[in-house]
Amino acid sequence: VFLLAGSMPAGARSATADGAFAVRGAGLIDCKTFLAERKKQSPAYLMMGGWIDGYLTGINQYAKDTYDATSFESTELFAQIIADHCKTHPDNRLFEIMNSIIRQNWKDRTVERTPFVTITVGGRSTKLYRSTVERVQRRPAKKGFLKSQPSGDFDAATVRTIAAFQKTIAGYKATGFPDQATRFMLFAKQDRQSSP
């Protein structure tokens, strides 16, 4: 399968002068197969997760002004987004979907390396780029939840801010911990679509 580089994020380099490149491996798998293997949690499904990480690493290496094409999304979050999309688009292929997700969220990529911030709230822990923590703080600040300037430090005011935001999510427990779902909802409510 050959696709044009015009479908890649701006700045990505391609293998040929006319922008064509070959898609290999799990990127060729269709949605029907993806959903079936995900349900079984099979070795093939784990291979697809590896392909997603490899695809993102390739973008990180070759795309201009990019340290990480994702700012907070885990492989499993991508798998969930893909699964949701696949339920209504059974013939789409993994590469097409991932490419669409990256294009839609390109402006939110991490453009430079920033240190990780370790966040621990109520016994749960995660690490986020400092630039992502600043984004997490800016979103609620726009809504009036955060009264201080975004600092990149995950302090007590940020925990209270995240908890206040979580109270706006129907059926969600307000813990103040910035888990994947909270971050996704925080950014999705502003400028993202939930599926490609």
C-alpha atoms as a PDB file:
ATOM      1  CA  VAL A   1       0.000   0.000   0.000  1.00  0.00           C
ATOM      2  CA  PHE A   2       1.402   3.391  -0.944  1.00  0.00           C
ATOM      3  CA  LEU A   3       0.164   6.642   0.522  1.00  0.00           C
ATOM      4  CA  LEU A   4       1.132  10.238  -0.125  1.00  0.00           C
ATOM      5  CA  ALA A   5       3.079  12.295   2.369  1.00  0.00           C
ATOM      6  CA  GLY A   6       0.364  14.939   2.201  1.00  0.00           C
ATOM      7  CA  SER A   7      -1.480  12.767   4.683  1.00  0.00           C
ATOM      8  CA  MET A   8       1.425  12.995   7.129  1.00  0.00           C
ATOM      9  CA  PRO A   9       1.922  15.809   9.634  1.00  0.00           C
ATOM     10  CA  ALA A  10       3.676  18.881   8.276  1.00  0.00           C
ATOM     11  CA  GLY A  11       7.435  18.520   8.335  1.00  0.00           C
ATOM     12  CA  ALA A  12       7.534  14.731   8.144  1.00  0.00           C
ATOM     13  CA  ARG A  13      10.025  13.434   5.600  1.00  0.00           C
ATOM     14  CA  SER A  14       9.132  10.730   3.125  1.00  0.00           C
ATOM     15  CA  ALA A  15      11.089   8.082   1.261  1.00  0.00           C
ATOM     16  CA  THR A  16      10.557   9.217  -2.344  1.00  0.00           C
ATOM     17  CA  ALA A  17      10.645  12.558  -4.159  1.00  0.00           C
ATOM     18  CA  ASP A  18       6.893  12.393  -4.859  1.00  0.00           C
ATOM     19  CA  GLY A  19       6.075  11.680  -1.200  1.00  0.00           C
ATOM     20  CA  ALA A  20       5.151   8.000  -1.533  1.00  0.00           C
ATOM     21  CA  PHE A  21       5.989   5.454   1.157  1.00  0.00           C
ATOM     22  CA  ALA A  22       5.056   1.880   2.022  1.00  0.00           C
ATOM     23  CA  VAL A  23       2.983   0.999   5.066  1.00  0.00           C
ATOM     24  CA  ARG A  24       4.254  -2.147   6.771  1.00  0.00           C
ATOM     25  CA  GLY A  25       3.080  -4.635   9.372  1.00  0.00           C
ATOM     26  CA  ALA A  26       0.169  -3.959  11.682  1.00  0.00           C
ATOM     27  CA  GLY A  27      -0.572  -0.642   9.976  1.00  0.00           C
ATOM     28  CA  LEU A  28      -2.284  -2.674   7.250  1.00  0.00           C
ATOM     29  CA  ILE A  29      -4.689  -4.393   9.670  1.00  0.00           C
ATOM     30  CA  ASP A  30      -8.342  -3.426   9.216  1.00  0.00           C
ATOM     31  CA  CYS A  31     -10.773  -2.441  11.942  1.00  0.00           C
ATOM     32  CA  LYS A  32     -12.626  -5.761  11.931  1.00  0.00           C
ATOM     33  CA  THR A  33      -9.394  -7.577  12.738  1.00  0.00           C
ATOM     34  CA  PHE A  34      -8.338  -4.954  15.273  1.00  0.00           C
ATOM     35  CA  LEU A  35     -11.604  -5.295  17.216  1.00  0.00           C
ATOM     36  CA  ALA A  36     -11.542  -9.095  17.147  1.00  0.00           C
ATOM     37  CA  GLU A  37      -7.944  -9.292  18.401  1.00  0.00           C
ATOM     38  CA  ARG A  38      -8.545  -6.570  21.017  1.00  0.00           C
ATOM     39  CA  LYS A  39     -11.477  -8.538  22.415  1.00  0.00           C
ATOM     40  CA  LYS A  40      -9.248 -11.619  22.767  1.00  0.00           C
ATOM     41  CA  GLN A  41      -6.274  -9.561  24.066  1.00  0.00           C
ATOM     42  CA  SER A  42      -4.252 -11.759  21.722  1.00  0.00           C
ATOM     43  CA  PRO A  43      -0.548 -11.586  20.878  1.00  0.00           C
ATOM     44  CA  ALA A  44      -1.612  -9.953  17.586  1.00  0.00           C
ATOM     45  CA  TYR A  45      -3.296  -7.165  19.564  1.00  0.00           C
ATOM     46  CA  LEU A  46      -0.097  -6.641  21.572  1.00  0.00           C
ATOM     47  CA  MET A  47       1.785  -6.468  18.259  1.00  0.00           C
ATOM     48  CA  MET A  48      -0.597  -3.699  17.142  1.00  0.00           C
ATOM     49  CA  GLY A  49       0.236  -1.753  20.298  1.00  0.00           C
ATOM     50  CA  GLY A  50       3.912  -2.148  19.463  1.00  0.00           C
ATOM     51  CA  TRP A  51       3.224  -0.896  15.950  1.00  0.00           C
ATOM     52  CA  ILE A  52       1.450   2.197  17.362  1.00  0.00           C
ATOM     53  CA  ASP A  53       4.487   2.974  19.540  1.00  0.00           C
ATOM     54  CA  GLY A  54       6.848   2.405  16.616  1.00  0.00           C
ATOM     55  CA  TYR A  55       4.771   4.645  14.360  1.00  0.00           C
ATOM     56  CA  LEU A  56       4.867   7.428  16.953  1.00  0.00           C
ATOM     57  CA  THR A  57       8.608   6.988  17.470  1.00  0.00           C
ATOM     58  CA  GLY A  58       9.149   7.345  13.710  1.00  0.00           C
ATOM     59  CA  ILE A  59       7.179  10.584  13.671  1.00  0.00           C
ATOM     60  CA  ASN A  60       9.113  11.837  16.692  1.00  0.00           C
ATOM     61  CA  GLN A  61      12.395  11.114  14.931  1.00  0.00           C
ATOM     62  CA  TYR A  62      11.595  12.621  11.542  1.00  0.00           C
ATOM     63  CA  ALA A  63       8.943  15.319  11.981  1.00  0.00           C
ATOM     64  CA  LYS A  64      10.193  18.886  12.174  1.00  0.00           C
ATOM     65  CA  ASP A  65       9.791  20.760  15.473  1.00  0.00           C
ATOM     66  CA  THR A  66       8.636  17.631  17.287  1.00  0.00           C
ATOM     67  CA  TYR A  67       9.939  15.986  20.425  1.00  0.00           C
ATOM     68  CA  ASP A  68       6.850  13.844  21.021  1.00  0.00           C
ATOM     69  CA  ALA A  69       3.876  13.708  18.648  1.00  0.00           C
ATOM     70  CA  THR A  70       1.717  13.049  21.692  1.00  0.00           C
ATOM     71  CA  SER A  71       1.699  15.147  24.806  1.00  0.00           C
ATOM     72  CA  PHE A  72       0.006  12.750  27.222  1.00  0.00           C
ATOM     73  CA  GLU A  73      -1.775   9.912  25.387  1.00  0.00           C
ATOM     74  CA  SER A  74      -0.856   6.337  26.288  1.00  0.00           C
ATOM     75  CA  THR A  75      -0.842   3.444  23.844  1.00  0.00           C
ATOM     76  CA  GLU A  76      -3.981   2.095  25.513  1.00  0.00           C
ATOM     77  CA  LEU A  77      -5.788   5.417  25.098  1.00  0.00           C
ATOM     78  CA  PHE A  78      -4.974   5.333  21.383  1.00  0.00           C
ATOM     79  CA  ALA A  79      -6.237   1.744  21.260  1.00  0.00           C
ATOM     80  CA  GLN A  80      -9.519   2.826  22.865  1.00  0.00           C
ATOM     81  CA  ILE A  81      -9.934   5.728  20.423  1.00  0.00           C
ATOM     82  CA  ILE A  82      -9.211   3.370  17.536  1.00  0.00           C
ATOM     83  CA  ALA A  83     -11.679   0.780  18.877  1.00  0.00           C
ATOM     84  CA  ASP A  84     -14.414   3.417  19.179  1.00  0.00           C
ATOM     85  CA  HIS A  85     -13.776   4.524  15.600  1.00  0.00           C
ATOM     86  CA  CYS A  86     -13.655   0.945  14.310  1.00  0.00           C
ATOM     87  CA  LYS A  87     -17.143   0.138  15.557  1.00  0.00           C
ATOM     88  CA  THR A  88     -18.589   2.287  12.777  1.00  0.00           C
ATOM     89  CA  HIS A  89     -15.767   2.067  10.208  1.00  0.00           C
ATOM     90  CA  PRO A  90     -14.922  -1.666   9.938  1.00  0.00           C
ATOM     91  CA  ASP A  91     -12.868  -1.383   6.755  1.00  0.00           C
ATOM     92  CA  ASN A  92     -10.515   1.415   7.874  1.00  0.00           C
ATOM     93  CA  ARG A  93      -6.914   0.411   8.465  1.00  0.00           C
ATOM     94  CA  LEU A  94      -4.822   1.042  11.552  1.00  0.00           C
ATOM     95  CA  PHE A  95      -2.411   3.331   9.727  1.00  0.00           C
ATOM     96  CA  GLU A  96      -5.203   5.526   8.338  1.00  0.00           C
ATOM     97  CA  ILE A  97      -6.745   5.951  11.771  1.00  0.00           C
ATOM     98  CA  MET A  98      -3.485   6.711  13.578  1.00  0.00           C
ATOM     99  CA  ASN A  99      -2.505   9.143  10.846  1.00  0.00           C
ATOM    100  CA  SER A 100      -5.846  10.917  11.205  1.00  0.00           C
ATOM    101  CA  ILE A 101      -5.530  11.127  14.996  1.00  0.00           C
ATOM    102  CA  ILE A 102      -2.045  12.614  14.727  1.00  0.00           C
ATOM    103  CA  ARG A 103      -3.115  15.144  12.076  1.00  0.00           C
ATOM    104  CA  GLN A 104      -6.109  16.264  14.156  1.00  0.00           C
ATOM    105  CA  ASN A 105      -3.955  16.770  17.231  1.00  0.00           C
ATOM    106  CA  TRP A 106      -0.741  17.976  15.601  1.00  0.00           C
ATOM    107  CA  LYS A 107      -0.810  21.430  17.176  1.00  0.00           C
ATOM    108  CA  ASP A 108      -0.871  19.801  20.642  1.00  0.00           C
ATOM    109  CA  ARG A 109       2.352  17.830  20.125  1.00  0.00           C
ATOM    110  CA  THR A 110       5.332  18.359  22.429  1.00  0.00           C
ATOM    111  CA  VAL A 111       7.728  20.477  20.388  1.00  0.00           C
ATOM    112  CA  GLU A 112      10.667  20.480  22.767  1.00  0.00           C
ATOM    113  CA  ARG A 113      11.988  18.259  25.477  1.00  0.00           C
ATOM    114  CA  THR A 114      10.859  19.261  28.953  1.00  0.00           C
ATOM    115  CA  PRO A 115      11.524  17.394  32.192  1.00  0.00           C
ATOM    116  CA  PHE A 116       9.013  14.983  33.636  1.00  0.00           C
ATOM    117  CA  VAL A 117       6.976  16.008  36.651  1.00  0.00           C
ATOM    118  CA  THR A 118       6.054  13.200  39.038  1.00  0.00           C
ATOM    119  CA  ILE A 119       2.475  13.576  40.238  1.00  0.00           C
ATOM    120  CA  THR A 120       1.125  11.701  43.235  1.00  0.00           C
ATOM    121  CA  VAL A 121      -2.436  12.204  44.438  1.00  0.00           C
ATOM    122  CA  GLY A 122      -4.272   9.865  46.799  1.00  0.00           C
ATOM    123  CA  GLY A 123      -1.868   6.973  46.307  1.00  0.00           C
ATOM    124  CA  ARG A 124      -1.959   7.187  42.496  1.00  0.00           C
ATOM    125  CA  SER A 125       1.107   8.315  40.601  1.00  0.00           C
ATOM    126  CA  THR A 126       2.032   9.310  37.064  1.00  0.00           C
ATOM    127  CA  LYS A 127       4.671  11.285  35.188  1.00  0.00           C
ATOM    128  CA  LEU A 128       3.875  14.038  32.708  1.00  0.00           C
ATOM    129  CA  TYR A 129       6.028  16.420  30.717  1.00  0.00           C
ATOM    130  CA  ARG A 130       6.243  19.801  32.466  1.00  0.00           C
ATOM    131  CA  SER A 131       4.816  21.345  29.284  1.00  0.00           C
ATOM    132  CA  THR A 132       1.810  18.996  29.567  1.00  0.00           C
ATOM    133  CA  VAL A 133       1.272  19.999  33.189  1.00  0.00           C
ATOM    134  CA  GLU A 134       1.230  23.627  32.022  1.00  0.00           C
ATOM    135  CA  ARG A 135      -1.412  22.704  29.420  1.00  0.00           C
ATOM    136  CA  VAL A 136      -3.424  20.887  32.100  1.00  0.00           C
ATOM    137  CA  GLN A 137      -3.286  24.088  34.156  1.00  0.00           C
ATOM    138  CA  ARG A 138      -4.088  26.455  31.267  1.00  0.00           C
ATOM    139  CA  ARG A 139      -7.317  24.701  30.241  1.00  0.00           C
ATOM    140  CA  PRO A 140      -9.088  25.111  33.599  1.00  0.00           C
ATOM    141  CA  ALA A 141      -7.560  28.588  34.028  1.00  0.00           C
ATOM    142  CA  LYS A 142      -9.507  29.679  30.939  1.00  0.00           C
ATOM    143  CA  LYS A 143     -12.689  28.467  32.627  1.00  0.00           C
ATOM    144  CA  GLY A 144     -11.899  30.247  35.899  1.00  0.00           C
ATOM    145  CA  PHE A 145     -11.067  27.103  37.906  1.00  0.00           C
ATOM    146  CA  LEU A 146      -7.383  27.984  38.407  1.00  0.00           C
ATOM    147  CA  LYS A 147      -6.699  31.393  39.910  1.00  0.00           C
ATOM    148  CA  SER A 148      -2.878  31.363  39.637  1.00  0.00           C
ATOM    149  CA  GLN A 149      -0.685  31.401  36.555  1.00  0.00           C
ATOM    150  CA  PRO A 150       0.240  27.980  35.068  1.00  0.00           C
ATOM    151  CA  SER A 151       3.656  27.050  36.467  1.00  0.00           C
ATOM    152  CA  GLY A 152       4.282  23.488  35.356  1.00  0.00           C
ATOM    153  CA  ASP A 153       4.393  22.462  39.035  1.00  0.00           C
ATOM    154  CA  PHE A 154       1.587  20.128  40.066  1.00  0.00           C
ATOM    155  CA  ASP A 155       0.759  21.777  43.387  1.00  0.00           C
ATOM    156  CA  ALA A 156      -2.204  21.684  45.781  1.00  0.00           C
ATOM    157  CA  ALA A 157      -3.998  24.423  43.802  1.00  0.00           C
ATOM    158  CA  THR A 158      -3.736  22.280  40.671  1.00  0.00           C
ATOM    159  CA  VAL A 159      -5.138  19.232  42.502  1.00  0.00           C
ATOM    160  CA  ARG A 160      -8.133  21.342  43.620  1.00  0.00           C
ATOM    161  CA  THR A 161      -8.518  22.683  40.075  1.00  0.00           C
ATOM    162  CA  ILE A 162      -8.517  19.205  38.517  1.00  0.00           C
ATOM    163  CA  ALA A 163     -11.024  18.017  41.121  1.00  0.00           C
ATOM    164  CA  ALA A 164     -13.299  20.978  40.290  1.00  0.00           C
ATOM    165  CA  PHE A 165     -13.066  20.100  36.606  1.00  0.00           C
ATOM    166  CA  GLN A 166     -13.786  16.429  37.313  1.00  0.00           C
ATOM    167  CA  LYS A 167     -17.013  17.462  39.065  1.00  0.00           C
ATOM    168  CA  THR A 168     -18.229  18.747  35.667  1.00  0.00           C
ATOM    169  CA  ILE A 169     -17.855  15.253  34.135  1.00  0.00           C
ATOM    170  CA  ALA A 170     -21.061  13.268  34.651  1.00  0.00           C
ATOM    171  CA  GLY A 171     -20.514  10.222  36.836  1.00  0.00           C
ATOM    172  CA  TYR A 172     -16.821  10.936  37.381  1.00  0.00           C
ATOM    173  CA  LYS A 173     -15.197  10.871  40.825  1.00  0.00           C
ATOM    174  CA  ALA A 174     -13.468  14.154  41.699  1.00  0.00           C
ATOM    175  CA  THR A 175     -10.072  12.943  42.929  1.00  0.00           C
ATOM    176  CA  GLY A 176      -7.826  15.715  41.626  1.00  0.00           C
ATOM    177  CA  PHE A 177      -5.622  13.095  39.950  1.00  0.00           C
ATOM    178  CA  PRO A 178      -4.968  13.890  36.260  1.00  0.00           C
ATOM    179  CA  ASP A 179      -5.615  10.403  34.872  1.00  0.00           C
ATOM    180  CA  GLN A 180      -5.840   9.619  31.152  1.00  0.00           C
ATOM    181  CA  ALA A 181      -9.610  10.044  30.998  1.00  0.00           C
ATOM    182  CA  THR A 182      -9.515  13.396  32.799  1.00  0.00           C
ATOM    183  CA  ARG A 183      -6.763  14.731  30.547  1.00  0.00           C
ATOM    184  CA  PHE A 184      -8.580  13.515  27.458  1.00  0.00           C
ATOM    185  CA  MET A 185     -11.841  15.137  28.550  1.00  0.00           C
ATOM    186  CA  LEU A 186     -10.055  18.326  29.540  1.00  0.00           C
ATOM    187  CA  PHE A 187      -8.453  18.699  26.121  1.00  0.00           C
ATOM    188  CA  ALA A 188     -11.362  17.207  24.132  1.00  0.00           C
ATOM    189  CA  LYS A 189     -13.828  19.709  25.538  1.00  0.00           C
ATOM    190  CA  GLN A 190     -11.672  22.510  24.200  1.00  0.00           C
ATOM    191  CA  ASP A 191     -10.340  21.581  20.814  1.00  0.00           C
ATOM    192  CA  ARG A 192     -10.407  17.852  20.097  1.00  0.00           C
ATOM    193  CA  GLN A 193     -12.747  15.363  18.596  1.00  0.00           C
ATOM    194  CA  SER A 194     -13.094  12.048  20.390  1.00  0.00           C
ATOM    195  CA  SER A 195     -12.528   9.965  17.270  1.00  0.00           C
ATOM    196  CA  PRO A 196     -10.799  10.424  13.922  1.00  0.00           C
END
